[in-house]
N, C-alpha and C. Protein backbone atom coordinates (compact mmCIF):
# COMPACT_ATOMS: atom_id res chain seq x y z
N UNK A 1 -6.40 -2.71 -6.48
CA UNK A 1 -6.70 -1.86 -5.66
C UNK A 1 -6.45 -2.12 -4.26
N UNK A 2 -5.17 -3.34 -4.14
CA UNK A 2 -4.57 -3.41 -3.13
C UNK A 2 -3.01 -2.80 -2.93
N UNK A 3 -3.01 -2.84 -3.63
CA UNK A 3 -1.51 -1.46 -3.66
C UNK A 3 -1.94 0.25 -3.36
N UNK A 4 -3.24 0.39 -4.04
CA UNK A 4 -3.31 1.45 -3.03
C UNK A 4 -4.23 1.47 -1.81
N UNK A 5 -4.76 0.67 -1.24
CA UNK A 5 -4.61 0.74 -0.02
C UNK A 5 -3.49 0.79 0.81
N UNK A 6 -3.12 -0.20 0.19
CA UNK A 6 -1.76 -0.18 1.39
C UNK A 6 -0.77 0.60 1.36
N UNK A 7 -0.59 1.18 -0.16
CA UNK A 7 -0.12 2.60 0.02
C UNK A 7 -1.48 3.94 1.05
N UNK A 8 -2.10 3.96 1.02
CA UNK A 8 -2.74 4.78 1.98
C UNK A 8 -2.62 4.54 3.11
N UNK A 9 -2.43 2.95 3.76
CA UNK A 9 -2.63 3.12 5.28
C UNK A 9 -1.40 2.95 5.52
N UNK A 10 -0.07 2.69 4.61
CA UNK A 10 1.52 3.24 5.10
C UNK A 10 1.43 4.84 5.30
N UNK A 11 0.61 5.25 4.41
CA UNK A 11 1.01 7.27 4.22
C UNK A 11 0.17 7.31 5.54
N UNK A 12 -1.04 7.31 6.11
CA UNK A 12 -1.91 7.19 7.01
C UNK A 12 -0.89 7.17 8.62
N UNK A 13 -0.17 6.02 8.75
CA UNK A 13 1.25 5.88 9.53
C UNK A 13 2.02 6.52 9.28
N UNK A 14 2.23 7.17 8.54
CA UNK A 14 3.90 7.98 8.82
C UNK A 14 2.60 9.10 8.72
N UNK A 15 2.47 9.65 8.30
CA UNK A 15 1.68 11.01 8.78
C UNK A 15 1.08 11.20 10.41
N UNK A 16 0.50 10.37 11.02
CA UNK A 16 0.40 9.84 12.32
C UNK A 16 2.20 10.10 13.35
N UNK A 17 3.39 9.16 12.56
CA UNK A 17 4.43 9.06 13.29
C UNK A 17 5.18 10.82 13.27
N UNK A 18 5.01 11.91 12.02
CA UNK A 18 5.36 12.77 11.80
C UNK A 18 4.42 13.59 12.44
N UNK A 19 3.58 14.08 12.66
CA UNK A 19 2.47 14.37 13.66
C UNK A 19 2.52 14.33 14.93
N UNK A 20 3.24 13.49 15.97
CA UNK A 20 3.29 12.50 16.92
C UNK A 20 4.77 12.83 17.24
N UNK A 21 5.50 12.54 16.64
CA UNK A 21 6.92 12.31 16.90
C UNK A 21 8.51 13.89 16.46
N UNK A 22 8.07 13.86 17.19
CA UNK A 22 9.20 15.76 17.07
C UNK A 22 10.56 15.20 16.09
N UNK A 23 11.10 13.95 16.18
CA UNK A 23 12.04 14.04 15.39
C UNK A 23 12.01 13.57 13.89
N UNK A 24 10.33 13.93 13.57
CA UNK A 24 10.59 13.00 12.19
C UNK A 24 10.02 14.19 11.66
N UNK A 25 10.61 14.57 10.22
CA UNK A 25 9.30 15.41 10.07
C UNK A 25 9.61 15.77 8.38
N UNK A 26 8.54 16.71 7.53
CA UNK A 26 8.93 17.05 6.14
C UNK A 26 9.26 18.71 6.44
N UNK A 27 10.26 18.87 4.78
CA UNK A 27 10.96 20.58 5.11
C UNK A 27 9.02 20.80 4.36
N UNK A 28 9.16 22.37 4.98
CA UNK A 28 7.92 23.03 4.42
C UNK A 28 6.71 23.81 5.30
N UNK A 29 5.83 24.29 4.68
CA UNK A 29 4.64 24.96 5.27
C UNK A 29 4.48 23.83 6.77
N UNK A 30 3.92 24.30 8.01
CA UNK A 30 3.68 23.52 9.27
C UNK A 30 2.17 23.58 9.65
N UNK A 31 1.52 24.22 9.17
CA UNK A 31 -0.02 24.23 8.88
C UNK A 31 -0.59 24.69 8.12
N UNK A 32 -2.40 24.37 8.25
CA UNK A 32 -3.29 24.89 7.24
C UNK A 32 -3.06 23.74 5.89
N UNK A 33 -4.15 24.17 4.61
CA UNK A 33 -3.95 23.53 3.59
C UNK A 33 -2.09 23.74 2.40
N UNK A 34 -1.85 24.99 2.79
CA UNK A 34 -0.61 24.57 2.71
C UNK A 34 0.37 23.66 2.86
N UNK A 35 0.14 23.19 3.78
CA UNK A 35 1.10 22.25 4.11
C UNK A 35 0.62 20.94 3.77
N UNK A 36 -1.14 20.84 3.58
CA UNK A 36 -1.29 19.53 3.02
C UNK A 36 -0.79 19.39 0.99
N UNK A 37 -1.51 20.79 1.01
CA UNK A 37 -1.11 20.73 -0.81
C UNK A 37 0.85 20.73 -1.14
N UNK A 38 1.78 20.80 -0.09
CA UNK A 38 2.99 20.52 -0.40
C UNK A 38 3.20 19.47 0.17
N UNK A 39 2.69 19.18 1.15
CA UNK A 39 3.28 17.69 1.84
C UNK A 39 2.56 16.54 1.17
N UNK A 40 1.46 16.31 0.59
CA UNK A 40 0.84 15.06 0.48
C UNK A 40 1.62 13.77 -0.79
N UNK A 41 1.89 14.94 -1.94
CA UNK A 41 2.84 13.76 -2.77
C UNK A 41 3.95 13.38 -2.18
N UNK A 42 4.90 14.06 -1.57
CA UNK A 42 5.98 13.86 -0.73
C UNK A 42 5.93 12.57 0.29
N UNK A 43 4.74 12.49 0.85
CA UNK A 43 4.14 11.89 2.31
C UNK A 43 3.88 10.28 0.89
N UNK A 44 3.64 10.25 0.14
CA UNK A 44 2.74 9.16 -0.21
C UNK A 44 4.01 8.24 -1.23
N UNK A 45 5.05 9.40 -1.69
CA UNK A 45 6.30 8.72 -2.01
C UNK A 45 7.42 8.04 -0.83
N UNK A 46 6.89 8.72 0.17
CA UNK A 46 8.23 8.28 1.29
C UNK A 46 7.00 6.67 2.13
N UNK A 47 5.81 7.12 1.64
CA UNK A 47 4.98 5.38 2.47
C UNK A 47 5.48 4.25 1.17
N UNK A 48 5.70 4.73 -0.15
CA UNK A 48 5.87 3.36 -0.91
C UNK A 48 7.49 3.27 -0.66
N UNK A 49 8.30 3.91 -0.88
CA UNK A 49 9.60 3.35 -0.47
C UNK A 49 9.55 3.00 0.92
N UNK A 50 8.68 3.54 2.11
CA UNK A 50 9.30 2.64 3.01
C UNK A 50 8.43 1.14 3.16
N UNK A 51 7.61 0.79 2.68
CA UNK A 51 7.00 -0.18 1.99
C UNK A 51 7.86 -1.18 1.38
N UNK A 52 8.45 -0.20 0.46
CA UNK A 52 9.68 -1.77 -0.47
C UNK A 52 10.83 -1.49 -0.04
N UNK A 53 11.29 -0.78 0.79
CA UNK A 53 12.37 -1.44 2.06
C UNK A 53 11.71 -2.38 2.84
N UNK A 54 10.71 -1.96 3.39
CA UNK A 54 10.03 -3.61 3.92
C UNK A 54 10.11 -4.90 3.51
N UNK A 55 9.16 -4.10 2.78
CA UNK A 55 9.31 -5.75 1.65
C UNK A 55 10.41 -6.76 1.34
N UNK A 56 11.07 -6.14 0.82
CA UNK A 56 12.45 -6.18 0.24
C UNK A 56 13.62 -6.90 1.57
N UNK A 57 14.22 -5.61 2.06
CA UNK A 57 15.36 -5.51 3.43
C UNK A 57 14.82 -5.79 3.99
N UNK A 58 13.58 -5.64 4.92
CA UNK A 58 13.65 -6.06 6.06
C UNK A 58 13.30 -7.56 6.36
N UNK A 59 12.84 -8.83 5.51
CA UNK A 59 13.34 -9.70 5.85
C UNK A 59 14.83 -10.57 5.91
N UNK A 60 15.44 -9.88 5.22
CA UNK A 60 16.87 -10.24 5.24
C UNK A 60 17.15 -9.92 6.15
N UNK A 61 17.10 -8.77 7.09
CA UNK A 61 17.50 -8.36 8.03
C UNK A 61 17.65 -9.40 8.88
N UNK A 62 15.78 -9.41 9.10
CA UNK A 62 14.93 -10.24 9.94
C UNK A 62 16.02 -11.70 10.01
N UNK A 63 16.06 -12.29 9.22
CA UNK A 63 16.54 -13.31 8.52
C UNK A 63 18.05 -13.45 9.28
N UNK A 64 18.79 -12.74 9.12
CA UNK A 64 20.30 -12.24 9.36
C UNK A 64 20.50 -12.31 11.17
N UNK A 65 19.49 -11.75 11.76
CA UNK A 65 19.92 -11.38 12.91
C UNK A 65 18.68 -12.10 13.93
N UNK A 66 18.13 -12.93 13.18
CA UNK A 66 17.74 -14.30 14.36
C UNK A 66 17.88 -14.70 15.30
N UNK A 67 19.04 -15.07 15.88
CA UNK A 67 19.26 -15.47 17.10
C UNK A 67 19.36 -14.36 18.04
N UNK A 68 19.66 -13.01 17.51
CA UNK A 68 19.85 -12.05 18.10
C UNK A 68 18.42 -11.87 18.65
N UNK A 69 17.69 -11.46 17.65
CA UNK A 69 16.08 -11.41 18.19
C UNK A 69 15.22 -12.74 19.10
N UNK A 70 15.81 -13.47 18.80
CA UNK A 70 15.47 -14.72 19.94
C UNK A 70 15.87 -14.62 21.21
N UNK A 71 17.52 -14.06 20.93
CA UNK A 71 18.17 -13.77 22.38
C UNK A 71 16.99 -12.29 23.24
N UNK A 72 17.03 -11.73 22.73
CA UNK A 72 16.26 -10.12 22.90
C UNK A 72 14.94 -9.97 23.09
N UNK A 73 14.00 -12.03 23.09
CA UNK A 73 13.02 -11.70 23.21
C UNK A 73 12.06 -11.27 22.35
N UNK A 74 12.81 -10.27 21.12
CA UNK A 74 11.79 -9.37 19.64
C UNK A 74 12.02 -8.35 20.04
N UNK A 75 12.78 -8.05 21.01
CA UNK A 75 12.85 -6.20 21.17
C UNK A 75 13.69 -5.60 19.91
N UNK A 76 15.02 -6.61 19.50
CA UNK A 76 15.45 -6.33 18.68
C UNK A 76 14.74 -6.10 17.38
N UNK A 77 13.26 -6.58 17.45
CA UNK A 77 12.66 -5.82 16.39
C UNK A 77 12.27 -4.65 15.65
N UNK A 78 12.07 -3.54 17.18
CA UNK A 78 12.14 -2.49 17.43
C UNK A 78 13.45 -1.63 16.44
N UNK A 79 13.94 -1.91 16.66
CA UNK A 79 15.38 -1.78 16.58
C UNK A 79 15.22 -1.98 14.75
N UNK A 80 14.71 -2.78 14.12
CA UNK A 80 14.73 -3.49 12.70
C UNK A 80 13.91 -2.27 12.55
N UNK A 81 13.27 -1.85 12.92
CA UNK A 81 11.88 -1.09 12.18
C UNK A 81 12.51 0.46 12.48
N UNK A 82 13.20 0.50 13.54
CA UNK A 82 13.76 2.07 13.85
C UNK A 82 14.49 2.13 12.39
N UNK A 83 15.77 1.18 11.95
CA UNK A 83 16.68 0.75 10.90
C UNK A 83 15.95 1.00 9.48
N UNK A 84 14.58 0.42 9.21
CA UNK A 84 14.09 0.71 8.20
C UNK A 84 13.58 2.04 8.00
N UNK A 85 13.63 2.92 8.60
CA UNK A 85 13.02 4.26 8.97
C UNK A 85 14.07 4.90 8.70
N UNK A 86 15.41 4.60 9.81
CA UNK A 86 16.32 5.65 8.34
C UNK A 86 16.64 5.17 7.76
N UNK A 87 16.55 3.87 6.67
CA UNK A 87 17.09 3.99 5.79
C UNK A 87 16.52 4.63 4.59
N UNK A 88 15.30 4.25 4.48
CA UNK A 88 14.14 5.55 3.68
C UNK A 88 14.26 6.53 3.87
N UNK A 89 14.96 7.00 5.05
CA UNK A 89 15.29 8.79 4.60
C UNK A 89 16.69 8.66 4.09
N UNK A 90 17.02 8.31 4.53
CA UNK A 90 18.66 8.36 4.01
C UNK A 90 18.91 7.63 2.47
N UNK A 91 17.71 6.82 2.41
CA UNK A 91 17.74 6.71 0.27
C UNK A 91 17.07 8.13 -1.09
N UNK A 92 15.63 8.16 0.10
CA UNK A 92 15.32 9.27 -0.43
C UNK A 92 16.05 10.73 -0.99
N UNK A 93 16.20 11.35 -1.96
CA UNK A 93 17.25 12.80 -2.18
C UNK A 93 16.37 13.40 -1.25
N UNK A 94 16.99 14.24 -0.89
CA UNK A 94 17.07 15.05 0.29
C UNK A 94 15.79 16.45 -0.42
N UNK A 95 15.63 16.58 -1.66
CA UNK A 95 14.54 17.19 -1.99
C UNK A 95 13.51 16.99 -2.04
N UNK A 96 12.90 15.73 -1.22
CA UNK A 96 11.56 14.75 -1.20
C UNK A 96 11.42 15.75 0.39
N UNK A 97 12.66 16.12 0.49
CA UNK A 97 12.48 16.92 2.52
C UNK A 97 11.77 15.54 3.47
N UNK A 98 12.40 14.45 3.54
CA UNK A 98 11.60 13.79 4.41
C UNK A 98 13.40 13.34 5.60
N UNK A 99 12.60 14.09 6.86
CA UNK A 99 14.07 13.99 7.40
C UNK A 99 13.94 13.01 8.71
N UNK A 100 14.80 11.73 9.23
CA UNK A 100 14.32 11.57 10.39
C UNK A 100 15.86 11.82 11.55
N UNK A 101 15.79 12.71 12.68
CA UNK A 101 16.66 12.78 13.36
C UNK A 101 17.37 12.09 14.27
N UNK A 102 17.67 11.44 13.99
CA UNK A 102 18.21 9.98 14.88
C UNK A 102 17.85 8.94 15.49
N UNK A 103 18.59 8.16 15.98
CA UNK A 103 17.83 7.09 16.14
C UNK A 103 16.92 6.72 16.98
N UNK A 104 16.57 7.46 18.56
CA UNK A 104 15.64 7.57 19.05
C UNK A 104 14.11 7.61 18.10
N UNK A 105 14.72 8.86 17.27
CA UNK A 105 12.61 9.70 16.44
C UNK A 105 13.00 7.72 16.21
N UNK A 106 13.90 7.63 14.98
CA UNK A 106 13.54 6.53 14.54
C UNK A 106 12.51 5.40 15.09
N UNK A 107 13.33 4.96 16.21
CA UNK A 107 12.66 3.63 17.16
C UNK A 107 11.62 4.25 16.97
N UNK A 108 11.35 5.54 18.27
CA UNK A 108 9.85 5.97 18.42
C UNK A 108 8.37 6.08 17.16
N UNK A 109 9.10 6.50 16.06
CA UNK A 109 8.84 6.30 15.04
C UNK A 109 8.19 4.66 14.18
N UNK A 110 8.95 4.70 14.28
CA UNK A 110 9.22 2.85 13.79
C UNK A 110 7.64 2.30 15.27
N UNK A 111 8.17 2.37 16.02
CA UNK A 111 6.79 1.98 16.69
C UNK A 111 5.67 2.34 16.92
N UNK A 112 5.55 4.08 16.64
CA UNK A 112 3.91 4.58 15.85
C UNK A 112 3.44 3.97 14.55
N UNK A 113 4.54 3.97 13.68
CA UNK A 113 4.19 3.37 12.62
C UNK A 113 3.40 2.24 12.85
N UNK A 114 4.24 1.81 13.09
CA UNK A 114 3.58 -0.17 13.39
C UNK A 114 2.13 -0.11 14.05
N UNK A 115 2.76 0.61 15.22
CA UNK A 115 0.88 0.51 16.03
C UNK A 115 -0.18 1.01 14.84
N UNK A 116 0.08 2.11 14.43
CA UNK A 116 -0.83 2.55 13.79
C UNK A 116 -1.29 1.75 12.40
N UNK A 117 -0.46 0.95 12.13
CA UNK A 117 -0.34 -0.21 10.85
C UNK A 117 -1.39 -1.09 11.01
N UNK A 118 -1.07 -1.57 12.39
CA UNK A 118 -2.13 -3.19 12.88
C UNK A 118 -3.18 -2.27 13.35
N UNK A 119 -3.83 -0.87 13.75
CA UNK A 119 -4.92 -0.70 13.95
C UNK A 119 -5.78 -0.42 12.59
N UNK A 120 -4.84 0.40 11.77
CA UNK A 120 -5.36 0.18 10.21
C UNK A 120 -5.95 -0.98 10.29
N UNK A 121 -5.14 -2.69 10.97
CA UNK A 121 -5.42 -3.41 9.69
C UNK A 121 -6.88 -4.09 10.04
N UNK A 122 -7.09 -2.82 11.57
CA UNK A 122 -7.96 -4.06 12.36
C UNK A 122 -9.03 -3.26 11.49
N UNK A 123 -9.22 -1.40 11.08
CA UNK A 123 -10.25 -1.06 10.54
C UNK A 123 -10.48 -1.26 9.42
N UNK A 124 -9.35 -1.58 8.52
CA UNK A 124 -9.60 -2.29 6.88
C UNK A 124 -8.71 -3.03 6.64
N UNK A 125 -9.66 -4.40 6.82
CA UNK A 125 -8.74 -5.99 7.12
C UNK A 125 -8.65 -6.30 5.68
N UNK A 126 -8.68 -5.98 4.16
CA UNK A 126 -8.53 -6.50 3.63
C UNK A 126 -7.38 -5.39 2.71
N UNK A 127 -7.16 -3.82 3.18
CA UNK A 127 -6.01 -3.43 2.73
C UNK A 127 -4.11 -4.03 2.34
N UNK A 128 -4.21 -5.57 3.05
CA UNK A 128 -2.96 -6.31 3.67
C UNK A 128 -3.02 -7.44 2.33
N UNK A 129 -4.14 -7.74 2.61
CA UNK A 129 -3.97 -9.26 2.04
C UNK A 129 -3.58 -9.00 0.25
């Protein structure tokens, strides 16, 4: 059950990021029920891959860049979040239709996803345990 709630919270955070940040988007319809039907499975797939990347790759990157994280007083963590989002878009095949256009979109998207995950953790505390 924890995996399902984890996947749903990641998908919600990713959906909000695609809604708020212009450079993060899915191919396909842009409004109505057609958009929801067309994008729900790719959204769940991207949320799953982003979660896997965050679990396996992100700790290694954090460990390797720890001196720079300390030197920048933690601001490098924003760049690492952006890199994980960009890596997710790069890993997925093009037929999924997920795109991140550049560093600034990834940076803003990483911030939005982090804030949304924090908010969802407060609202739904057992989702990440």
